[in-house]
């Protein structure tokens, strides 16, 4: 659960980047957010979802788009998370 507490505030910074907001003042945070997303994707989020990232799925968002199409409870949970992220994203399309 550390990953969710850590990544959600960083995701709001990315939303500001897409909107052209105060992003330019927080570029140092982005230098931490990118590697943290990659690290958590291969460790805690891999254990949480019960699935290890495949080739090319460096961030959790890329893996989430694949997992949300699976059948079962894991697919349902990942589909819900992807819908929440799509509503937060200014473009409306965060997870395809």
PDB file of N, CA and C in Angstrom:
ATOM      1  N   UNK A   1       0.804  -1.191   0.000  1.00  0.00           N
ATOM      2  CA  UNK A   1       0.000   0.000   0.000  1.00  0.00           C
ATOM      3  C   UNK A   1       0.851   1.261   0.000  1.00  0.00           C
ATOM      4  N   UNK A   2       2.129   1.117   0.264  1.00  0.00           N
ATOM      5  CA  UNK A   2       3.013   2.276   0.221  1.00  0.00           C
ATOM      6  C   UNK A   2       3.006   2.878  -1.174  1.00  0.00           C
ATOM      7  N   UNK A   3       2.927   2.030  -2.174  1.00  0.00           N
ATOM      8  CA  UNK A   3       2.965   2.530  -3.541  1.00  0.00           C
ATOM      9  C   UNK A   3       1.787   3.442  -3.840  1.00  0.00           C
ATOM     10  N   UNK A   4       0.597   3.095  -3.392  1.00  0.00           N
ATOM     11  CA  UNK A   4      -0.565   3.936  -3.654  1.00  0.00           C
ATOM     12  C   UNK A   4      -0.450   5.264  -2.928  1.00  0.00           C
ATOM     13  N   UNK A   5       0.045   5.257  -1.707  1.00  0.00           N
ATOM     14  CA  UNK A   5       0.212   6.499  -0.964  1.00  0.00           C
ATOM     15  C   UNK A   5       1.297   7.378  -1.572  1.00  0.00           C
ATOM     16  N   UNK A   6       2.255   6.761  -2.231  1.00  0.00           N
ATOM     17  CA  UNK A   6       3.351   7.506  -2.828  1.00  0.00           C
ATOM     18  C   UNK A   6       3.015   7.983  -4.235  1.00  0.00           C
ATOM     19  N   UNK A   7       2.346   7.149  -5.020  1.00  0.00           N
ATOM     20  CA  UNK A   7       2.113   7.479  -6.421  1.00  0.00           C
ATOM     21  C   UNK A   7       0.933   8.410  -6.655  1.00  0.00           C
ATOM     22  N   UNK A   8      -0.073   8.387  -5.814  1.00  0.00           N
ATOM     23  CA  UNK A   8      -1.233   9.250  -6.039  1.00  0.00           C
ATOM     24  C   UNK A   8      -0.887  10.740  -5.997  1.00  0.00           C
ATOM     25  N   UNK A   9      -0.112  11.221  -5.029  1.00  0.00           N
ATOM     26  CA  UNK A   9       0.272  12.639  -5.101  1.00  0.00           C
ATOM     27  C   UNK A   9       1.149  12.956  -6.315  1.00  0.00           C
ATOM     28  N   UNK A  10       2.002  12.027  -6.690  1.00  0.00           N
ATOM     29  CA  UNK A  10       2.841  12.260  -7.858  1.00  0.00           C
ATOM     30  C   UNK A  10       2.016  12.267  -9.138  1.00  0.00           C
ATOM     31  N   UNK A  11       0.936  11.493  -9.153  1.00  0.00           N
ATOM     32  CA  UNK A  11       0.066  11.497 -10.322  1.00  0.00           C
ATOM     33  C   UNK A  11      -0.622  12.846 -10.483  1.00  0.00           C
ATOM     34  N   UNK A  12      -0.966  13.488  -9.372  1.00  0.00           N
ATOM     35  CA  UNK A  12      -1.587  14.808  -9.464  1.00  0.00           C
ATOM     36  C   UNK A  12      -0.616  15.817 -10.064  1.00  0.00           C
ATOM     37  N   UNK A  13       0.664  15.641  -9.843  1.00  0.00           N
ATOM     38  CA  UNK A  13       1.660  16.518 -10.455  1.00  0.00           C
ATOM     39  C   UNK A  13       1.702  16.285 -11.958  1.00  0.00           C
ATOM     40  N   UNK A  14       1.566  15.052 -12.390  1.00  0.00           N
ATOM     41  CA  UNK A  14       1.544  14.762 -13.822  1.00  0.00           C
ATOM     42  C   UNK A  14       0.305  15.370 -14.479  1.00  0.00           C
ATOM     43  N   UNK A  15      -0.814  15.367 -13.776  1.00  0.00           N
ATOM     44  CA  UNK A  15      -2.024  16.004 -14.288  1.00  0.00           C
ATOM     45  C   UNK A  15      -1.768  17.491 -14.489  1.00  0.00           C
ATOM     46  N   UNK A  16      -1.085  18.115 -13.562  1.00  0.00           N
ATOM     47  CA  UNK A  16      -0.748  19.531 -13.718  1.00  0.00           C
ATOM     48  C   UNK A  16       0.159  19.746 -14.924  1.00  0.00           C
ATOM     49  N   UNK A  17       1.032  18.789 -15.178  1.00  0.00           N
ATOM     50  CA  UNK A  17       1.898  18.885 -16.357  1.00  0.00           C
ATOM     51  C   UNK A  17       1.062  18.856 -17.628  1.00  0.00           C
ATOM     52  N   UNK A  18       0.082  17.964 -17.707  1.00  0.00           N
ATOM     53  CA  UNK A  18      -0.778  17.885 -18.887  1.00  0.00           C
ATOM     54  C   UNK A  18      -1.602  19.152 -19.061  1.00  0.00           C
ATOM     55  N   UNK A  19      -1.991  19.752 -17.982  1.00  0.00           N
ATOM     56  CA  UNK A  19      -2.787  20.981 -18.046  1.00  0.00           C
ATOM     57  C   UNK A  19      -1.934  22.219 -18.246  1.00  0.00           C
ATOM     58  N   UNK A  20      -0.621  22.089 -18.117  1.00  0.00           N
ATOM     59  CA  UNK A  20       0.262  23.237 -18.251  1.00  0.00           C
ATOM     60  C   UNK A  20       0.317  24.072 -16.990  1.00  0.00           C
ATOM     61  N   UNK A  21       0.080  23.457 -15.860  1.00  0.00           N
ATOM     62  CA  UNK A  21       0.022  24.171 -14.583  1.00  0.00           C
ATOM     63  C   UNK A  21       1.385  24.431 -13.987  1.00  0.00           C
ATOM     64  N   UNK A  22       1.473  24.253 -12.694  1.00  0.00           N
ATOM     65  CA  UNK A  22       2.692  24.592 -11.963  1.00  0.00           C
ATOM     66  C   UNK A  22       3.794  23.552 -12.123  1.00  0.00           C
ATOM     67  N   UNK A  23       3.748  22.758 -13.155  1.00  0.00           N
ATOM     68  CA  UNK A  23       4.696  21.675 -13.407  1.00  0.00           C
ATOM     69  C   UNK A  23       6.139  22.170 -13.457  1.00  0.00           C
ATOM     70  N   UNK A  24       6.372  23.272 -14.104  1.00  0.00           N
ATOM     71  CA  UNK A  24       7.752  23.721 -14.291  1.00  0.00           C
ATOM     72  C   UNK A  24       8.441  24.043 -12.963  1.00  0.00           C
ATOM     73  N   UNK A  25       7.671  24.217 -11.917  1.00  0.00           N
ATOM     74  CA  UNK A  25       8.257  24.480 -10.609  1.00  0.00           C
ATOM     75  C   UNK A  25       8.560  23.197  -9.837  1.00  0.00           C
ATOM     76  N   UNK A  26       8.052  22.080 -10.324  1.00  0.00           N
ATOM     77  CA  UNK A  26       8.215  20.812  -9.602  1.00  0.00           C
ATOM     78  C   UNK A  26       8.971  19.765 -10.417  1.00  0.00           C
ATOM     79  N   UNK A  27       9.857  20.177 -11.278  1.00  0.00           N
ATOM     80  CA  UNK A  27      10.555  19.214 -12.119  1.00  0.00           C
ATOM     81  C   UNK A  27      11.446  18.274 -11.325  1.00  0.00           C
ATOM     82  N   UNK A  28      11.914  18.702 -10.159  1.00  0.00           N
ATOM     83  CA  UNK A  28      12.717  17.803  -9.330  1.00  0.00           C
ATOM     84  C   UNK A  28      11.884  16.631  -8.800  1.00  0.00           C
ATOM     85  N   UNK A  29      10.612  16.893  -8.527  1.00  0.00           N
ATOM     86  CA  UNK A  29       9.723  15.822  -8.075  1.00  0.00           C
ATOM     87  C   UNK A  29       9.557  14.789  -9.188  1.00  0.00           C
ATOM     88  N   UNK A  30       9.509  15.240 -10.415  1.00  0.00           N
ATOM     89  CA  UNK A  30       9.367  14.319 -11.548  1.00  0.00           C
ATOM     90  C   UNK A  30      10.582  13.412 -11.680  1.00  0.00           C
ATOM     91  N   UNK A  31      11.737  13.920 -11.318  1.00  0.00           N
ATOM     92  CA  UNK A  31      12.937  13.082 -11.369  1.00  0.00           C
ATOM     93  C   UNK A  31      12.879  11.954 -10.345  1.00  0.00           C
ATOM     94  N   UNK A  32      12.107  12.134  -9.297  1.00  0.00           N
ATOM     95  CA  UNK A  32      11.913  11.094  -8.295  1.00  0.00           C
ATOM     96  C   UNK A  32      10.728  10.203  -8.677  1.00  0.00           C
ATOM     97  N   UNK A  33       9.688  10.810  -9.242  1.00  0.00           N
ATOM     98  CA  UNK A  33       8.451  10.080  -9.533  1.00  0.00           C
ATOM     99  C   UNK A  33       8.648   9.004 -10.598  1.00  0.00           C
ATOM    100  N   UNK A  34       9.393   9.297 -11.636  1.00  0.00           N
ATOM    101  CA  UNK A  34       9.598   8.324 -12.708  1.00  0.00           C
ATOM    102  C   UNK A  34      10.284   7.051 -12.231  1.00  0.00           C
ATOM    103  N   UNK A  35      11.463   7.171 -11.635  1.00  0.00           N
ATOM    104  CA  UNK A  35      12.123   5.965 -11.125  1.00  0.00           C
ATOM    105  C   UNK A  35      11.328   5.262 -10.028  1.00  0.00           C
ATOM    106  N   UNK A  36      10.598   6.025  -9.212  1.00  0.00           N
ATOM    107  CA  UNK A  36       9.788   5.400  -8.164  1.00  0.00           C
ATOM    108  C   UNK A  36       8.668   4.565  -8.775  1.00  0.00           C
ATOM    109  N   UNK A  37       8.049   5.067  -9.833  1.00  0.00           N
ATOM    110  CA  UNK A  37       6.990   4.312 -10.512  1.00  0.00           C
ATOM    111  C   UNK A  37       7.545   3.017 -11.083  1.00  0.00           C
ATOM    112  N   UNK A  38       8.706   3.093 -11.677  1.00  0.00           N
ATOM    113  CA  UNK A  38       9.334   1.892 -12.257  1.00  0.00           C
ATOM    114  C   UNK A  38       9.712   0.896 -11.156  1.00  0.00           C
ATOM    115  N   UNK A  39      10.309   1.385 -10.085  1.00  0.00           N
ATOM    116  CA  UNK A  39      10.720   0.516  -8.979  1.00  0.00           C
ATOM    117  C   UNK A  39       9.517  -0.162  -8.327  1.00  0.00           C
ATOM    118  N   UNK A  40       8.478   0.606  -8.040  1.00  0.00           N
ATOM    119  CA  UNK A  40       7.289   0.031  -7.413  1.00  0.00           C
ATOM    120  C   UNK A  40       6.554  -0.918  -8.345  1.00  0.00           C
ATOM    121  N   UNK A  41       6.630  -0.676  -9.651  1.00  0.00           N
ATOM    122  CA  UNK A  41       5.991  -1.568 -10.616  1.00  0.00           C
ATOM    123  C   UNK A  41       6.605  -2.961 -10.576  1.00  0.00           C
ATOM    124  N   UNK A  42       7.903  -3.025 -10.377  1.00  0.00           N
ATOM    125  CA  UNK A  42       8.589  -4.319 -10.360  1.00  0.00           C
ATOM    126  C   UNK A  42       8.639  -4.963  -8.978  1.00  0.00           C
ATOM    127  N   UNK A  43       8.246  -4.246  -7.934  1.00  0.00           N
ATOM    128  CA  UNK A  43       8.311  -4.822  -6.591  1.00  0.00           C
ATOM    129  C   UNK A  43       6.923  -4.945  -5.980  1.00  0.00           C
ATOM    130  N   UNK A  44       6.483  -3.910  -5.290  1.00  0.00           N
ATOM    131  CA  UNK A  44       5.243  -3.983  -4.517  1.00  0.00           C
ATOM    132  C   UNK A  44       4.000  -4.170  -5.393  1.00  0.00           C
ATOM    133  N   UNK A  45       3.914  -3.451  -6.494  1.00  0.00           N
ATOM    134  CA  UNK A  45       2.730  -3.573  -7.347  1.00  0.00           C
ATOM    135  C   UNK A  45       2.696  -4.920  -8.073  1.00  0.00           C
ATOM    136  N   UNK A  46       3.853  -5.527  -8.290  1.00  0.00           N
ATOM    137  CA  UNK A  46       3.880  -6.871  -8.861  1.00  0.00           C
ATOM    138  C   UNK A  46       3.314  -7.883  -7.859  1.00  0.00           C
ATOM    139  N   UNK A  47       3.641  -7.703  -6.592  1.00  0.00           N
ATOM    140  CA  UNK A  47       3.094  -8.590  -5.560  1.00  0.00           C
ATOM    141  C   UNK A  47       1.606  -8.319  -5.332  1.00  0.00           C
ATOM    142  N   UNK A  48       1.210  -7.061  -5.368  1.00  0.00           N
ATOM    143  CA  UNK A  48      -0.176  -6.689  -5.130  1.00  0.00           C
ATOM    144  C   UNK A  48      -1.105  -7.233  -6.215  1.00  0.00           C
ATOM    145  N   UNK A  49      -0.677  -7.178  -7.463  1.00  0.00           N
ATOM    146  CA  UNK A  49      -1.515  -7.674  -8.560  1.00  0.00           C
ATOM    147  C   UNK A  49      -1.296  -9.155  -8.848  1.00  0.00           C
ATOM    148  N   UNK A  50      -0.221  -9.715  -8.335  1.00  0.00           N
ATOM    149  CA  UNK A  50       0.059 -11.126  -8.589  1.00  0.00           C
ATOM    150  C   UNK A  50       0.523 -11.378 -10.014  1.00  0.00           C
ATOM    151  N   UNK A  51       1.115 -10.371 -10.632  1.00  0.00           N
ATOM    152  CA  UNK A  51       1.554 -10.467 -12.019  1.00  0.00           C
ATOM    153  C   UNK A  51       2.835  -9.662 -12.182  1.00  0.00           C
ATOM    154  N   UNK A  52       3.835 -10.264 -12.815  1.00  0.00           N
ATOM    155  CA  UNK A  52       5.094  -9.565 -13.047  1.00  0.00           C
ATOM    156  C   UNK A  52       5.029  -8.855 -14.397  1.00  0.00           C
ATOM    157  N   UNK A  53       5.585  -7.660 -14.517  1.00  0.00           N
ATOM    158  CA  UNK A  53       5.529  -6.923 -15.786  1.00  0.00           C
ATOM    159  C   UNK A  53       6.186  -7.683 -16.927  1.00  0.00           C
ATOM    160  N   UNK A  54       5.580  -7.589 -18.084  1.00  0.00           N
ATOM    161  CA  UNK A  54       6.142  -8.193 -19.286  1.00  0.00           C
ATOM    162  C   UNK A  54       7.075  -7.193 -19.958  1.00  0.00           C
ATOM    163  N   UNK A  55       7.723  -7.615 -21.023  1.00  0.00           N
ATOM    164  CA  UNK A  55       8.682  -6.761 -21.727  1.00  0.00           C
ATOM    165  C   UNK A  55       7.992  -5.486 -22.223  1.00  0.00           C
ATOM    166  N   UNK A  56       8.585  -4.349 -21.911  1.00  0.00           N
ATOM    167  CA  UNK A  56       8.057  -3.066 -22.346  1.00  0.00           C
ATOM    168  C   UNK A  56       7.071  -2.425 -21.382  1.00  0.00           C
ATOM    169  N   UNK A  57       6.691  -3.118 -20.328  1.00  0.00           N
ATOM    170  CA  UNK A  57       5.755  -2.572 -19.345  1.00  0.00           C
ATOM    171  C   UNK A  57       6.544  -2.006 -18.159  1.00  0.00           C
ATOM    172  N   UNK A  58       7.172  -0.884 -18.374  1.00  0.00           N
ATOM    173  CA  UNK A  58       8.027  -0.308 -17.345  1.00  0.00           C
ATOM    174  C   UNK A  58       7.233   0.386 -16.250  1.00  0.00           C
ATOM    175  N   UNK A  59       6.133   1.032 -16.614  1.00  0.00           N
ATOM    176  CA  UNK A  59       5.328   1.732 -15.620  1.00  0.00           C
ATOM    177  C   UNK A  59       4.073   0.929 -15.310  1.00  0.00           C
ATOM    178  N   UNK A  60       3.460   1.248 -14.186  1.00  0.00           N
ATOM    179  CA  UNK A  60       2.253   0.533 -13.774  1.00  0.00           C
ATOM    180  C   UNK A  60       1.095   0.794 -14.726  1.00  0.00           C
ATOM    181  N   UNK A  61       1.044   1.972 -15.310  1.00  0.00           N
ATOM    182  CA  UNK A  61      -0.038   2.300 -16.240  1.00  0.00           C
ATOM    183  C   UNK A  61      -0.026   1.387 -17.463  1.00  0.00           C
ATOM    184  N   UNK A  62       1.146   1.088 -17.979  1.00  0.00           N
ATOM    185  CA  UNK A  62       1.232   0.205 -19.147  1.00  0.00           C
ATOM    186  C   UNK A  62       0.772  -1.212 -18.797  1.00  0.00           C
ATOM    187  N   UNK A  63       1.147  -1.670 -17.626  1.00  0.00           N
ATOM    188  CA  UNK A  63       0.741  -3.010 -17.208  1.00  0.00           C
ATOM    189  C   UNK A  63      -0.736  -3.044 -16.860  1.00  0.00           C
ATOM    190  N   UNK A  64      -1.233  -1.955 -16.322  1.00  0.00           N
ATOM    191  CA  UNK A  64      -2.640  -1.883 -15.927  1.00  0.00           C
ATOM    192  C   UNK A  64      -3.564  -1.991 -17.136  1.00  0.00           C
ATOM    193  N   UNK A  65      -3.160  -1.448 -18.269  1.00  0.00           N
ATOM    194  CA  UNK A  65      -4.010  -1.548 -19.462  1.00  0.00           C
ATOM    195  C   UNK A  65      -4.142  -2.997 -19.922  1.00  0.00           C
ATOM    196  N   UNK A  66      -3.104  -3.803 -19.739  1.00  0.00           N
ATOM    197  CA  UNK A  66      -3.194  -5.229 -20.085  1.00  0.00           C
ATOM    198  C   UNK A  66      -4.005  -5.998 -19.050  1.00  0.00           C
ATOM    199  N   UNK A  67      -3.766  -5.724 -17.781  1.00  0.00           N
ATOM    200  CA  UNK A  67      -4.449  -6.458 -16.720  1.00  0.00           C
ATOM    201  C   UNK A  67      -5.943  -6.155 -16.665  1.00  0.00           C
ATOM    202  N   UNK A  68      -6.348  -4.958 -17.069  1.00  0.00           N
ATOM    203  CA  UNK A  68      -7.769  -4.601 -16.999  1.00  0.00           C
ATOM    204  C   UNK A  68      -8.608  -5.384 -18.004  1.00  0.00           C
ATOM    205  N   UNK A  69      -7.978  -6.035 -18.974  1.00  0.00           N
ATOM    206  CA  UNK A  69      -8.702  -6.826 -19.976  1.00  0.00           C
ATOM    207  C   UNK A  69      -8.834  -8.296 -19.588  1.00  0.00           C
ATOM    208  N   UNK A  70      -8.228  -8.685 -18.461  1.00  0.00           N
ATOM    209  CA  UNK A  70      -8.296 -10.070 -18.008  1.00  0.00           C
ATOM    210  C   UNK A  70      -9.639 -10.361 -17.341  1.00  0.00           C
ATOM    211  N   UNK A  71     -10.026 -11.614 -17.361  1.00  0.00           N
ATOM    212  CA  UNK A  71     -11.249 -12.037 -16.673  1.00  0.00           C
ATOM    213  C   UNK A  71     -10.925 -12.327 -15.210  1.00  0.00           C
ATOM    214  N   UNK A  72     -11.907 -12.228 -14.366  1.00  0.00           N
ATOM    215  CA  UNK A  72     -11.728 -12.544 -12.958  1.00  0.00           C
ATOM    216  C   UNK A  72     -11.614 -11.317 -12.085  1.00  0.00           C
ATOM    217  N   UNK A  73     -11.337 -11.569 -10.814  1.00  0.00           N
ATOM    218  CA  UNK A  73     -11.278 -10.497  -9.828  1.00  0.00           C
ATOM    219  C   UNK A  73     -10.145  -9.517 -10.115  1.00  0.00           C
ATOM    220  N   UNK A  74      -8.972 -10.021 -10.472  1.00  0.00           N
ATOM    221  CA  UNK A  74      -7.838  -9.145 -10.767  1.00  0.00           C
ATOM    222  C   UNK A  74      -8.163  -8.217 -11.936  1.00  0.00           C
ATOM    223  N   UNK A  75      -8.781  -8.730 -12.963  1.00  0.00           N
ATOM    224  CA  UNK A  75      -9.170  -7.906 -14.100  1.00  0.00           C
ATOM    225  C   UNK A  75     -10.198  -6.857 -13.727  1.00  0.00           C
ATOM    226  N   UNK A  76     -11.150  -7.230 -12.869  1.00  0.00           N
ATOM    227  CA  UNK A  76     -12.171  -6.275 -12.428  1.00  0.00           C
ATOM    228  C   UNK A  76     -11.565  -5.144 -11.607  1.00  0.00           C
ATOM    229  N   UNK A  77     -10.654  -5.480 -10.699  1.00  0.00           N
ATOM    230  CA  UNK A  77     -10.013  -4.461  -9.867  1.00  0.00           C
ATOM    231  C   UNK A  77      -9.159  -3.534 -10.732  1.00  0.00           C
ATOM    232  N   UNK A  78      -8.400  -4.101 -11.655  1.00  0.00           N
ATOM    233  CA  UNK A  78      -7.555  -3.290 -12.523  1.00  0.00           C
ATOM    234  C   UNK A  78      -8.390  -2.428 -13.464  1.00  0.00           C
ATOM    235  N   UNK A  79      -9.530  -2.938 -13.907  1.00  0.00           N
ATOM    236  CA  UNK A  79     -10.433  -2.147 -14.750  1.00  0.00           C
ATOM    237  C   UNK A  79     -10.973  -0.954 -13.969  1.00  0.00           C
ATOM    238  N   UNK A  80     -11.328  -1.176 -12.709  1.00  0.00           N
ATOM    239  CA  UNK A  80     -11.815  -0.084 -11.863  1.00  0.00           C
ATOM    240  C   UNK A  80     -10.733   0.984 -11.667  1.00  0.00           C
ATOM    241  N   UNK A  81      -9.496   0.559 -11.386  1.00  0.00           N
ATOM    242  CA  UNK A  81      -8.396   1.502 -11.199  1.00  0.00           C
ATOM    243  C   UNK A  81      -8.153   2.292 -12.483  1.00  0.00           C
ATOM    244  N   UNK A  82      -8.219   1.625 -13.629  1.00  0.00           N
ATOM    245  CA  UNK A  82      -7.992   2.327 -14.897  1.00  0.00           C
ATOM    246  C   UNK A  82      -9.095   3.344 -15.170  1.00  0.00           C
ATOM    247  N   UNK A  83     -10.332   3.037 -14.812  1.00  0.00           N
ATOM    248  CA  UNK A  83     -11.431   3.995 -14.999  1.00  0.00           C
ATOM    249  C   UNK A  83     -11.253   5.215 -14.101  1.00  0.00           C
ATOM    250  N   UNK A  84     -10.781   5.003 -12.873  1.00  0.00           N
ATOM    251  CA  UNK A  84     -10.522   6.123 -11.962  1.00  0.00           C
ATOM    252  C   UNK A  84      -9.419   7.011 -12.530  1.00  0.00           C
ATOM    253  N   UNK A  85      -8.352   6.418 -13.030  1.00  0.00           N
ATOM    254  CA  UNK A  85      -7.256   7.200 -13.600  1.00  0.00           C
ATOM    255  C   UNK A  85      -7.694   7.940 -14.859  1.00  0.00           C
ATOM    256  N   UNK A  86      -8.575   7.337 -15.654  1.00  0.00           N
ATOM    257  CA  UNK A  86      -9.073   8.018 -16.849  1.00  0.00           C
ATOM    258  C   UNK A  86      -9.923   9.231 -16.497  1.00  0.00           C
ATOM    259  N   UNK A  87     -10.661   9.157 -15.409  1.00  0.00           N
ATOM    260  CA  UNK A  87     -11.474  10.305 -15.000  1.00  0.00           C
ATOM    261  C   UNK A  87     -10.627  11.443 -14.468  1.00  0.00           C
ATOM    262  N   UNK A  88      -9.494  11.121 -13.853  1.00  0.00           N
ATOM    263  CA  UNK A  88      -8.623  12.146 -13.301  1.00  0.00           C
ATOM    264  C   UNK A  88      -7.807  12.825 -14.399  1.00  0.00           C
ATOM    265  N   UNK A  89      -7.425  12.064 -15.419  1.00  0.00           N
ATOM    266  CA  UNK A  89      -6.560  12.598 -16.487  1.00  0.00           C
ATOM    267  C   UNK A  89      -7.294  13.679 -17.275  1.00  0.00           C
ATOM    268  N   UNK A  90      -6.647  14.802 -17.522  1.00  0.00           N
ATOM    269  CA  UNK A  90      -7.294  15.883 -18.264  1.00  0.00           C
ATOM    270  C   UNK A  90      -7.686  15.476 -19.683  1.00  0.00           C
ATOM    271  N   UNK A  91      -6.885  14.643 -20.335  1.00  0.00           N
ATOM    272  CA  UNK A  91      -7.221  14.210 -21.693  1.00  0.00           C
ATOM    273  C   UNK A  91      -8.341  13.190 -21.696  1.00  0.00           C
ATOM    274  N   UNK A  92      -8.611  12.573 -20.546  1.00  0.00           N
ATOM    275  CA  UNK A  92      -9.650  11.561 -20.452  1.00  0.00           C
ATOM    276  C   UNK A  92      -9.169  10.184 -20.835  1.00  0.00           C
ATOM    277  N   UNK A  93      -7.949  10.082 -21.319  1.00  0.00           N
ATOM    278  CA  UNK A  93      -7.404   8.783 -21.738  1.00  0.00           C
ATOM    279  C   UNK A  93      -6.044   8.605 -21.083  1.00  0.00           C
ATOM    280  N   UNK A  94      -6.030   7.938 -19.958  1.00  0.00           N
ATOM    281  CA  UNK A  94      -4.766   7.613 -19.308  1.00  0.00           C
ATOM    282  C   UNK A  94      -4.430   6.150 -19.561  1.00  0.00           C
ATOM    283  N   UNK A  95      -5.418   5.303 -19.438  1.00  0.00           N
ATOM    284  CA  UNK A  95      -5.256   3.874 -19.678  1.00  0.00           C
ATOM    285  C   UNK A  95      -6.069   3.521 -20.906  1.00  0.00           C
ATOM    286  N   UNK A  96      -5.446   2.881 -21.874  1.00  0.00           N
ATOM    287  CA  UNK A  96      -6.171   2.493 -23.095  1.00  0.00           C
ATOM    288  C   UNK A  96      -6.697   1.098 -22.996  1.00  0.00           C
TER     289      UNK A  96
END
